[in-house]
């Protein structure tokens, strides 16, 4: 019983250490006007209303969504461009195959 309890406690300590390691990779300590903040590297710290602090969560999340929307639109444009090129290549291949079938093996 004691061995099982010790194993559970060691497992919990290991999991806690892993969680701490993961959380320190996701945040950094930054100093602004003598104040220390633990925030993600891309979370802005600003002076507002006479105080200094990270921007509100709602604003940070809205910025993240706006950034993701820009990336998504760029990916959609790239995908559309690739689809167009694939269609063009398919058309070229079909016309080349038709020339081969008709015996016209021109340049």
Protein backbone atom coordinates (compact mmCIF):
# COMPACT_ATOMS: atom_id res chain seq x y z
CA UNK A 1 0.00 0.00 0.00
CA UNK A 2 2.80 2.40 0.90
CA UNK A 3 4.63 1.53 -2.32
CA UNK A 4 1.53 2.28 -4.37
CA UNK A 5 1.06 5.61 -2.58
CA UNK A 6 4.72 6.49 -3.17
CA UNK A 7 4.38 5.61 -6.87
CA UNK A 8 1.31 7.84 -7.17
CA UNK A 9 3.09 10.72 -5.44
CA UNK A 10 6.21 10.33 -7.61
CA UNK A 11 4.03 10.22 -10.72
CA UNK A 12 2.18 13.34 -9.62
CA UNK A 13 5.46 15.14 -8.93
CA UNK A 14 6.80 14.15 -12.34
CA UNK A 15 3.61 15.29 -14.07
CA UNK A 16 3.73 18.54 -12.14
CA UNK A 17 7.35 19.12 -13.17
CA UNK A 18 6.43 18.45 -16.80
CA UNK A 19 3.50 20.87 -16.56
CA UNK A 20 5.81 23.52 -15.07
CA UNK A 21 8.32 22.98 -17.87
CA UNK A 22 5.60 23.27 -20.51
CA UNK A 23 4.14 26.40 -18.94
CA UNK A 24 7.52 28.13 -18.74
CA UNK A 25 8.01 27.53 -22.46
CA UNK A 26 4.70 29.20 -23.25
CA UNK A 27 5.27 32.30 -21.15
CA UNK A 28 8.09 34.69 -20.46
CA UNK A 29 8.74 37.16 -17.70
CA UNK A 30 8.88 40.71 -19.01
CA UNK A 31 9.49 43.90 -17.10
CA UNK A 32 7.70 47.11 -17.95
CA UNK A 33 8.00 50.26 -15.77
CA UNK A 34 9.47 48.15 -12.96
CA UNK A 35 6.58 45.65 -13.01
CA UNK A 36 7.08 41.99 -13.92
CA UNK A 37 4.56 40.14 -16.06
CA UNK A 38 4.39 36.44 -16.97
CA UNK A 39 2.80 36.49 -20.39
CA UNK A 40 3.19 34.73 -23.76
CA UNK A 41 5.91 36.31 -25.91
CA UNK A 42 3.38 37.86 -28.31
CA UNK A 43 1.09 39.33 -25.64
CA UNK A 44 1.45 43.15 -25.70
CA UNK A 45 1.96 45.13 -22.51
CA UNK A 46 0.65 48.66 -22.75
CA UNK A 47 0.01 51.75 -20.68
CA UNK A 48 -3.71 52.38 -20.41
CA UNK A 49 -5.71 54.54 -18.07
CA UNK A 50 -2.65 55.42 -16.01
CA UNK A 51 -1.69 51.79 -15.44
CA UNK A 52 0.66 49.35 -17.11
CA UNK A 53 -0.35 45.80 -17.88
CA UNK A 54 -1.07 43.18 -20.49
CA UNK A 55 -3.86 44.04 -22.88
CA UNK A 56 -7.23 42.49 -21.99
CA UNK A 57 -7.76 38.82 -22.85
CA UNK A 58 -10.61 39.65 -25.22
CA UNK A 59 -8.38 41.99 -27.23
CA UNK A 60 -5.51 39.48 -27.29
CA UNK A 61 -7.79 36.68 -28.52
CA UNK A 62 -9.35 39.00 -31.12
CA UNK A 63 -5.85 39.81 -32.42
CA UNK A 64 -5.01 36.11 -32.59
CA UNK A 65 -8.20 35.37 -34.55
CA UNK A 66 -7.53 38.28 -36.92
CA UNK A 67 -4.02 36.97 -37.51
CA UNK A 68 -5.32 33.45 -38.17
CA UNK A 69 -7.93 34.82 -40.57
CA UNK A 70 -5.21 36.59 -42.58
CA UNK A 71 -3.18 33.38 -42.72
CA UNK A 72 -6.26 31.37 -43.73
CA UNK A 73 -7.07 33.78 -46.57
CA UNK A 74 -3.46 33.57 -47.81
CA UNK A 75 -3.66 29.76 -47.75
CA UNK A 76 -6.97 29.83 -49.61
CA UNK A 77 -5.39 32.01 -52.32
CA UNK A 78 -2.42 29.64 -52.58
CA UNK A 79 -4.78 26.67 -52.84
CA UNK A 80 -6.83 28.37 -55.56
CA UNK A 81 -3.63 29.12 -57.48
CA UNK A 82 -2.50 25.51 -57.17
CA UNK A 83 -5.91 24.21 -58.29
CA UNK A 84 -5.72 26.46 -61.35
CA UNK A 85 -2.24 25.19 -62.20
CA UNK A 86 -3.37 21.57 -61.80
CA UNK A 87 -6.32 22.17 -64.15
CA UNK A 88 -3.97 23.79 -66.67
CA UNK A 89 -1.58 20.84 -66.47
CA UNK A 90 -4.45 18.39 -66.87
CA UNK A 91 -5.61 20.25 -69.97
CA UNK A 92 -2.10 20.22 -71.40
CA UNK A 93 -1.73 16.51 -70.70
CA UNK A 94 -5.07 15.70 -72.34
CA UNK A 95 -4.21 17.70 -75.45
CA UNK A 96 -0.78 15.99 -75.60
CA UNK A 97 -2.39 12.56 -75.31
CA UNK A 98 -4.88 13.41 -78.06
CA UNK A 99 -2.03 14.46 -80.36
CA UNK A 100 -0.23 11.17 -79.66
CA UNK A 101 -3.39 9.18 -80.43
CA UNK A 102 -3.97 11.00 -83.69
CA UNK A 103 -0.40 10.30 -84.79
CA UNK A 104 0.68 13.91 -84.68
CA UNK A 105 3.79 13.76 -82.51
CA UNK A 106 4.81 17.34 -83.21
CA UNK A 107 7.03 19.40 -80.90
